[in-house]
N, C-alpha and C. Protein backbone atom coordinates (compact mmCIF):
# COMPACT_ATOMS: atom_id res chain seq x y z
N MET A 1 9.49 39.77 -6.87
CA MET A 1 10.33 39.57 -8.02
C MET A 1 11.20 40.80 -8.29
N LEU A 2 10.60 42.00 -8.21
CA LEU A 2 11.38 43.19 -8.51
C LEU A 2 12.51 43.39 -7.51
N ALA A 3 12.32 42.90 -6.29
CA ALA A 3 13.39 43.02 -5.29
C ALA A 3 14.61 42.20 -5.68
N THR A 4 14.41 41.14 -6.45
CA THR A 4 15.53 40.30 -6.85
C THR A 4 16.00 40.58 -8.28
N THR A 5 15.40 41.58 -8.92
CA THR A 5 15.78 41.92 -10.29
C THR A 5 17.12 42.62 -10.28
N ASN A 6 18.01 42.15 -11.12
CA ASN A 6 19.33 42.76 -11.24
C ASN A 6 19.23 43.90 -12.26
N LEU A 7 19.25 45.12 -11.77
CA LEU A 7 19.07 46.27 -12.64
C LEU A 7 20.21 46.42 -13.65
N TRP A 8 21.41 46.02 -13.26
CA TRP A 8 22.52 46.06 -14.22
C TRP A 8 22.27 45.09 -15.36
N ALA A 9 21.77 43.91 -15.04
CA ALA A 9 21.46 42.93 -16.08
C ALA A 9 20.40 43.48 -17.03
N ILE A 10 19.39 44.14 -16.48
CA ILE A 10 18.32 44.73 -17.29
C ILE A 10 18.89 45.79 -18.22
N LEU A 11 19.67 46.69 -17.69
CA LEU A 11 20.23 47.78 -18.49
C LEU A 11 21.16 47.25 -19.57
N ILE A 12 22.05 46.35 -19.20
CA ILE A 12 23.00 45.80 -20.18
C ILE A 12 22.25 44.98 -21.24
N ALA A 13 21.25 44.23 -20.83
CA ALA A 13 20.45 43.45 -21.78
C ALA A 13 19.73 44.37 -22.76
N ALA A 14 19.18 45.46 -22.27
CA ALA A 14 18.46 46.40 -23.15
C ALA A 14 19.43 47.08 -24.12
N ILE A 15 20.58 47.49 -23.64
CA ILE A 15 21.57 48.14 -24.51
C ILE A 15 22.06 47.15 -25.57
N ALA A 16 22.40 45.94 -25.15
CA ALA A 16 22.89 44.94 -26.10
C ALA A 16 21.83 44.61 -27.14
N ALA A 17 20.58 44.50 -26.72
CA ALA A 17 19.48 44.21 -27.65
C ALA A 17 19.29 45.35 -28.63
N TRP A 18 19.38 46.58 -28.15
CA TRP A 18 19.21 47.75 -29.02
C TRP A 18 20.34 47.81 -30.04
N LEU A 19 21.56 47.55 -29.60
CA LEU A 19 22.69 47.54 -30.53
C LEU A 19 22.56 46.42 -31.55
N PHE A 20 22.09 45.26 -31.11
CA PHE A 20 21.85 44.15 -32.03
C PHE A 20 20.85 44.58 -33.11
N GLY A 21 19.78 45.24 -32.70
CA GLY A 21 18.78 45.71 -33.67
C GLY A 21 19.38 46.67 -34.68
N SER A 22 20.28 47.53 -34.23
CA SER A 22 20.95 48.46 -35.15
C SER A 22 21.74 47.69 -36.21
N VAL A 23 22.51 46.73 -35.77
CA VAL A 23 23.31 45.93 -36.70
C VAL A 23 22.41 45.11 -37.62
N TRP A 24 21.38 44.48 -37.04
CA TRP A 24 20.46 43.62 -37.81
C TRP A 24 19.81 44.40 -38.96
N TYR A 25 19.26 45.55 -38.61
CA TYR A 25 18.54 46.31 -39.64
C TYR A 25 19.47 47.06 -40.58
N MET A 26 20.69 47.38 -40.17
CA MET A 26 21.65 47.94 -41.12
C MET A 26 22.05 46.89 -42.14
N ALA A 27 22.27 45.67 -41.65
CA ALA A 27 22.67 44.58 -42.55
C ALA A 27 21.53 44.18 -43.49
N LEU A 28 20.30 44.28 -43.03
CA LEU A 28 19.14 43.83 -43.81
C LEU A 28 18.28 45.00 -44.29
N ALA A 29 18.86 46.19 -44.39
CA ALA A 29 18.09 47.38 -44.74
C ALA A 29 17.39 47.24 -46.10
N LYS A 30 18.12 46.82 -47.11
CA LYS A 30 17.50 46.73 -48.44
C LYS A 30 16.41 45.67 -48.50
N PRO A 31 16.67 44.42 -48.03
CA PRO A 31 15.59 43.45 -48.07
C PRO A 31 14.40 43.84 -47.18
N TRP A 32 14.68 44.50 -46.05
CA TRP A 32 13.61 44.93 -45.16
C TRP A 32 12.73 45.99 -45.83
N MET A 33 13.37 46.99 -46.44
CA MET A 33 12.60 48.04 -47.13
C MET A 33 11.80 47.45 -48.28
N SER A 34 12.40 46.49 -49.00
CA SER A 34 11.68 45.83 -50.09
C SER A 34 10.47 45.07 -49.56
N ALA A 35 10.67 44.34 -48.46
CA ALA A 35 9.57 43.57 -47.86
C ALA A 35 8.50 44.51 -47.30
N LEU A 36 8.93 45.65 -46.81
CA LEU A 36 8.00 46.65 -46.28
C LEU A 36 7.25 47.36 -47.40
N GLY A 37 7.90 47.41 -48.58
CA GLY A 37 7.29 48.08 -49.72
C GLY A 37 7.46 49.59 -49.68
N LYS A 38 8.56 50.03 -49.05
CA LYS A 38 8.83 51.46 -48.95
C LYS A 38 10.27 51.75 -49.37
N SER A 39 10.48 52.99 -49.77
CA SER A 39 11.83 53.43 -50.12
C SER A 39 12.45 54.13 -48.91
N LYS A 40 13.76 54.35 -48.99
CA LYS A 40 14.45 55.04 -47.91
C LYS A 40 13.87 56.46 -47.74
N ALA A 41 13.57 57.10 -48.85
CA ALA A 41 13.02 58.46 -48.80
C ALA A 41 11.67 58.49 -48.07
N GLU A 42 10.87 57.45 -48.28
CA GLU A 42 9.56 57.40 -47.62
C GLU A 42 9.69 57.20 -46.11
N LEU A 43 10.79 56.63 -45.66
CA LEU A 43 10.98 56.37 -44.23
C LEU A 43 11.61 57.55 -43.50
N MET A 44 12.13 58.50 -44.26
CA MET A 44 12.77 59.66 -43.65
C MET A 44 11.73 60.71 -43.30
N GLY A 45 12.03 61.49 -42.30
CA GLY A 45 11.15 62.58 -41.91
C GLY A 45 11.29 63.75 -42.87
N PRO A 46 10.56 64.83 -42.61
CA PRO A 46 10.61 66.01 -43.48
C PRO A 46 12.02 66.61 -43.58
N SER A 47 12.83 66.40 -42.55
CA SER A 47 14.18 66.96 -42.55
C SER A 47 15.15 66.11 -43.37
N GLY A 48 14.69 64.97 -43.85
CA GLY A 48 15.58 64.08 -44.59
C GLY A 48 16.35 63.14 -43.67
N LYS A 49 16.04 63.23 -42.39
CA LYS A 49 16.68 62.37 -41.39
C LYS A 49 15.59 61.54 -40.72
N PRO A 50 15.96 60.34 -40.25
CA PRO A 50 14.94 59.55 -39.55
C PRO A 50 14.54 60.21 -38.23
N SER A 51 13.30 60.03 -37.86
CA SER A 51 12.81 60.55 -36.58
C SER A 51 13.47 59.77 -35.44
N PRO A 52 13.85 60.45 -34.36
CA PRO A 52 14.43 59.73 -33.22
C PRO A 52 13.38 58.95 -32.42
N ILE A 53 12.11 59.25 -32.61
CA ILE A 53 11.05 58.65 -31.81
C ILE A 53 11.06 57.12 -31.86
N PRO A 54 11.12 56.48 -33.05
CA PRO A 54 11.13 55.01 -33.05
C PRO A 54 12.33 54.41 -32.32
N PHE A 55 13.46 55.10 -32.35
CA PHE A 55 14.65 54.60 -31.66
C PHE A 55 14.47 54.68 -30.15
N ILE A 56 13.86 55.74 -29.68
CA ILE A 56 13.58 55.91 -28.25
C ILE A 56 12.55 54.88 -27.79
N VAL A 57 11.48 54.74 -28.57
CA VAL A 57 10.44 53.75 -28.23
C VAL A 57 11.04 52.35 -28.21
N SER A 58 11.90 52.06 -29.18
CA SER A 58 12.55 50.75 -29.24
C SER A 58 13.36 50.47 -27.97
N PHE A 59 14.14 51.45 -27.54
CA PHE A 59 14.96 51.24 -26.35
C PHE A 59 14.09 51.07 -25.10
N LEU A 60 13.06 51.89 -24.97
CA LEU A 60 12.16 51.74 -23.83
C LEU A 60 11.45 50.39 -23.84
N ALA A 61 11.04 49.94 -25.03
CA ALA A 61 10.41 48.63 -25.15
C ALA A 61 11.38 47.52 -24.76
N GLU A 62 12.64 47.67 -25.11
CA GLU A 62 13.61 46.64 -24.77
C GLU A 62 13.91 46.61 -23.28
N ILE A 63 13.83 47.75 -22.61
CA ILE A 63 13.96 47.76 -21.15
C ILE A 63 12.78 47.00 -20.54
N ILE A 64 11.57 47.30 -21.00
CA ILE A 64 10.39 46.61 -20.48
C ILE A 64 10.48 45.12 -20.75
N MET A 65 10.89 44.75 -21.96
CA MET A 65 11.04 43.33 -22.29
C MET A 65 12.03 42.65 -21.36
N ALA A 66 13.14 43.32 -21.07
CA ALA A 66 14.16 42.74 -20.20
C ALA A 66 13.63 42.56 -18.78
N VAL A 67 12.87 43.52 -18.28
CA VAL A 67 12.29 43.40 -16.94
C VAL A 67 11.33 42.22 -16.89
N VAL A 68 10.44 42.14 -17.87
CA VAL A 68 9.45 41.05 -17.88
C VAL A 68 10.14 39.70 -18.09
N LEU A 69 11.08 39.64 -19.02
CA LEU A 69 11.80 38.39 -19.25
C LEU A 69 12.55 37.96 -18.00
N SER A 70 13.13 38.90 -17.30
CA SER A 70 13.83 38.60 -16.05
C SER A 70 12.87 37.95 -15.05
N GLY A 71 11.67 38.50 -14.94
CA GLY A 71 10.67 37.94 -14.03
C GLY A 71 10.25 36.54 -14.43
N ILE A 72 10.08 36.32 -15.73
CA ILE A 72 9.70 34.98 -16.19
C ILE A 72 10.82 33.98 -15.91
N ILE A 73 12.05 34.38 -16.20
CA ILE A 73 13.19 33.50 -15.93
C ILE A 73 13.27 33.20 -14.44
N TRP A 74 13.10 34.23 -13.60
CA TRP A 74 13.18 34.07 -12.15
C TRP A 74 12.12 33.09 -11.67
N HIS A 75 10.90 33.19 -12.20
CA HIS A 75 9.82 32.29 -11.79
C HIS A 75 10.00 30.88 -12.34
N ALA A 76 10.74 30.74 -13.42
CA ALA A 76 10.91 29.43 -14.06
C ALA A 76 11.87 28.53 -13.28
N GLY A 77 12.68 29.10 -12.42
CA GLY A 77 13.62 28.27 -11.66
C GLY A 77 14.97 28.94 -11.56
N PRO A 78 16.03 28.15 -11.55
CA PRO A 78 17.37 28.74 -11.43
C PRO A 78 17.64 29.72 -12.57
N VAL A 79 18.28 30.82 -12.24
CA VAL A 79 18.60 31.84 -13.24
C VAL A 79 20.00 31.55 -13.75
N THR A 80 20.05 30.93 -14.93
CA THR A 80 21.31 30.56 -15.58
C THR A 80 21.24 30.98 -17.04
N VAL A 81 22.37 30.92 -17.72
CA VAL A 81 22.38 31.24 -19.14
C VAL A 81 21.45 30.28 -19.88
N ALA A 82 21.52 29.00 -19.55
CA ALA A 82 20.66 28.00 -20.22
C ALA A 82 19.18 28.29 -19.99
N SER A 83 18.80 28.59 -18.75
CA SER A 83 17.40 28.88 -18.48
C SER A 83 16.98 30.20 -19.12
N GLY A 84 17.90 31.15 -19.18
CA GLY A 84 17.62 32.42 -19.83
C GLY A 84 17.36 32.24 -21.32
N LEU A 85 18.20 31.44 -21.96
CA LEU A 85 18.03 31.20 -23.40
C LEU A 85 16.76 30.42 -23.70
N SER A 86 16.51 29.37 -22.92
CA SER A 86 15.33 28.55 -23.20
C SER A 86 14.04 29.32 -22.92
N THR A 87 14.02 30.09 -21.85
CA THR A 87 12.84 30.89 -21.52
C THR A 87 12.62 31.96 -22.58
N ALA A 88 13.70 32.60 -23.02
CA ALA A 88 13.59 33.62 -24.06
C ALA A 88 13.04 33.03 -25.35
N PHE A 89 13.53 31.86 -25.73
CA PHE A 89 13.04 31.23 -26.96
C PHE A 89 11.56 30.88 -26.84
N ILE A 90 11.17 30.31 -25.72
CA ILE A 90 9.77 29.93 -25.53
C ILE A 90 8.87 31.18 -25.56
N ALA A 91 9.30 32.25 -24.89
CA ALA A 91 8.52 33.49 -24.89
C ALA A 91 8.43 34.06 -26.30
N TRP A 92 9.53 34.04 -27.04
CA TRP A 92 9.52 34.53 -28.43
C TRP A 92 8.57 33.70 -29.28
N PHE A 93 8.70 32.40 -29.19
CA PHE A 93 7.88 31.51 -30.01
C PHE A 93 6.41 31.62 -29.67
N GLY A 94 6.11 31.66 -28.38
CA GLY A 94 4.71 31.66 -27.94
C GLY A 94 4.02 32.99 -28.02
N PHE A 95 4.75 34.09 -27.88
CA PHE A 95 4.11 35.40 -27.84
C PHE A 95 4.52 36.33 -28.98
N VAL A 96 5.81 36.44 -29.23
CA VAL A 96 6.28 37.41 -30.23
C VAL A 96 6.00 36.92 -31.65
N LEU A 97 6.47 35.74 -31.98
CA LEU A 97 6.29 35.22 -33.33
C LEU A 97 4.81 35.08 -33.68
N THR A 98 4.04 34.55 -32.77
CA THR A 98 2.61 34.35 -33.05
C THR A 98 1.90 35.68 -33.26
N THR A 99 2.20 36.66 -32.43
CA THR A 99 1.57 37.98 -32.55
C THR A 99 1.95 38.63 -33.87
N MET A 100 3.24 38.56 -34.20
CA MET A 100 3.68 39.15 -35.47
C MET A 100 3.04 38.46 -36.66
N ALA A 101 2.96 37.14 -36.62
CA ALA A 101 2.37 36.40 -37.74
C ALA A 101 0.92 36.83 -37.96
N VAL A 102 0.18 36.98 -36.88
CA VAL A 102 -1.22 37.42 -37.00
C VAL A 102 -1.29 38.84 -37.54
N ASN A 103 -0.55 39.76 -36.92
CA ASN A 103 -0.59 41.17 -37.35
C ASN A 103 -0.13 41.34 -38.79
N HIS A 104 0.97 40.71 -39.14
CA HIS A 104 1.47 40.83 -40.51
C HIS A 104 0.53 40.15 -41.49
N GLY A 105 -0.06 39.04 -41.08
CA GLY A 105 -0.99 38.33 -41.97
C GLY A 105 -2.22 39.18 -42.28
N PHE A 106 -2.84 39.73 -41.25
CA PHE A 106 -4.01 40.57 -41.47
C PHE A 106 -3.65 41.89 -42.15
N GLY A 107 -2.42 42.35 -41.92
CA GLY A 107 -1.98 43.60 -42.54
C GLY A 107 -1.53 43.43 -43.98
N GLY A 108 -1.49 42.20 -44.45
CA GLY A 108 -1.08 41.95 -45.82
C GLY A 108 0.41 42.11 -46.06
N ALA A 109 1.20 42.01 -44.99
CA ALA A 109 2.65 42.16 -45.14
C ALA A 109 3.23 40.99 -45.92
N ARG A 110 4.31 41.26 -46.60
CA ARG A 110 5.01 40.20 -47.31
C ARG A 110 5.63 39.25 -46.28
N PRO A 111 5.65 37.96 -46.58
CA PRO A 111 6.22 36.99 -45.63
C PRO A 111 7.67 37.32 -45.23
N MET A 112 8.45 37.88 -46.15
CA MET A 112 9.84 38.20 -45.82
C MET A 112 9.92 39.25 -44.72
N LEU A 113 8.95 40.14 -44.63
CA LEU A 113 8.94 41.13 -43.56
C LEU A 113 8.79 40.43 -42.21
N THR A 114 7.93 39.44 -42.16
CA THR A 114 7.75 38.67 -40.93
C THR A 114 9.04 37.93 -40.58
N VAL A 115 9.68 37.34 -41.56
CA VAL A 115 10.93 36.61 -41.31
C VAL A 115 12.00 37.55 -40.75
N ILE A 116 12.17 38.70 -41.39
CA ILE A 116 13.21 39.64 -40.96
C ILE A 116 12.89 40.20 -39.57
N ASP A 117 11.67 40.66 -39.37
CA ASP A 117 11.31 41.23 -38.07
C ASP A 117 11.31 40.19 -36.96
N ALA A 118 10.79 39.00 -37.25
CA ALA A 118 10.78 37.94 -36.23
C ALA A 118 12.20 37.50 -35.89
N GLY A 119 13.08 37.47 -36.89
CA GLY A 119 14.48 37.14 -36.62
C GLY A 119 15.13 38.16 -35.71
N HIS A 120 14.80 39.42 -35.92
CA HIS A 120 15.31 40.48 -35.04
C HIS A 120 14.87 40.24 -33.60
N TRP A 121 13.56 40.00 -33.41
CA TRP A 121 13.05 39.82 -32.05
C TRP A 121 13.55 38.53 -31.42
N LEU A 122 13.81 37.51 -32.22
CA LEU A 122 14.43 36.30 -31.67
C LEU A 122 15.81 36.63 -31.14
N GLY A 123 16.60 37.36 -31.93
CA GLY A 123 17.93 37.77 -31.47
C GLY A 123 17.86 38.60 -30.21
N VAL A 124 16.93 39.55 -30.16
CA VAL A 124 16.75 40.40 -28.98
C VAL A 124 16.46 39.54 -27.75
N MET A 125 15.50 38.64 -27.88
CA MET A 125 15.10 37.81 -26.74
C MET A 125 16.25 36.91 -26.28
N LEU A 126 16.96 36.30 -27.23
CA LEU A 126 18.05 35.40 -26.85
C LEU A 126 19.20 36.17 -26.19
N ILE A 127 19.51 37.34 -26.72
CA ILE A 127 20.58 38.16 -26.11
C ILE A 127 20.18 38.55 -24.69
N GLN A 128 18.95 39.01 -24.54
CA GLN A 128 18.50 39.41 -23.21
C GLN A 128 18.47 38.22 -22.25
N GLY A 129 17.96 37.10 -22.72
CA GLY A 129 17.91 35.91 -21.87
C GLY A 129 19.29 35.46 -21.42
N ALA A 130 20.25 35.48 -22.35
CA ALA A 130 21.62 35.06 -22.02
C ALA A 130 22.25 36.01 -21.01
N ILE A 131 22.06 37.31 -21.20
CA ILE A 131 22.65 38.30 -20.28
C ILE A 131 22.00 38.22 -18.91
N ILE A 132 20.69 38.16 -18.87
CA ILE A 132 20.00 38.04 -17.59
C ILE A 132 20.41 36.76 -16.89
N GLY A 133 20.47 35.67 -17.63
CA GLY A 133 20.90 34.38 -17.05
C GLY A 133 22.34 34.41 -16.55
N ALA A 134 23.21 35.10 -17.29
CA ALA A 134 24.62 35.17 -16.88
C ALA A 134 24.79 35.95 -15.58
N PHE A 135 23.96 36.96 -15.37
CA PHE A 135 24.04 37.74 -14.14
C PHE A 135 23.48 36.97 -12.96
N GLY A 136 22.57 36.04 -13.23
CA GLY A 136 21.98 35.27 -12.14
C GLY A 136 21.08 36.11 -11.27
N ARG A 137 20.78 35.57 -10.10
CA ARG A 137 19.89 36.28 -9.16
C ARG A 137 20.69 37.40 -8.57
């Protein structure tokens, strides 16, 4: 599978997903912080600026997600935009949404936090699936 992985598709999918996350959380910053139950000051580091660590971890996670999603799409059959989108949705629904619902439920998170975060990961998965599918094998 890795021999047929399109590294450009992986990189572009990860970058696009990371940029989507930036836009998503900038647009939903206030409702997200409210659902999280934290203020902007509480999320900032001692320097008054956000730590770069979560942004780095996010990008690395999106690269890994793109590699794994590419493999799933490849094993599912023809690599097309349609197969990329459908595979991404199924993976999100079966693994991401369910995991988040359990973790947020046991963690006592507000339902809106799950909605906002799950919406972000749905967007990430669909963007990656579409890009990987568009590049083909």
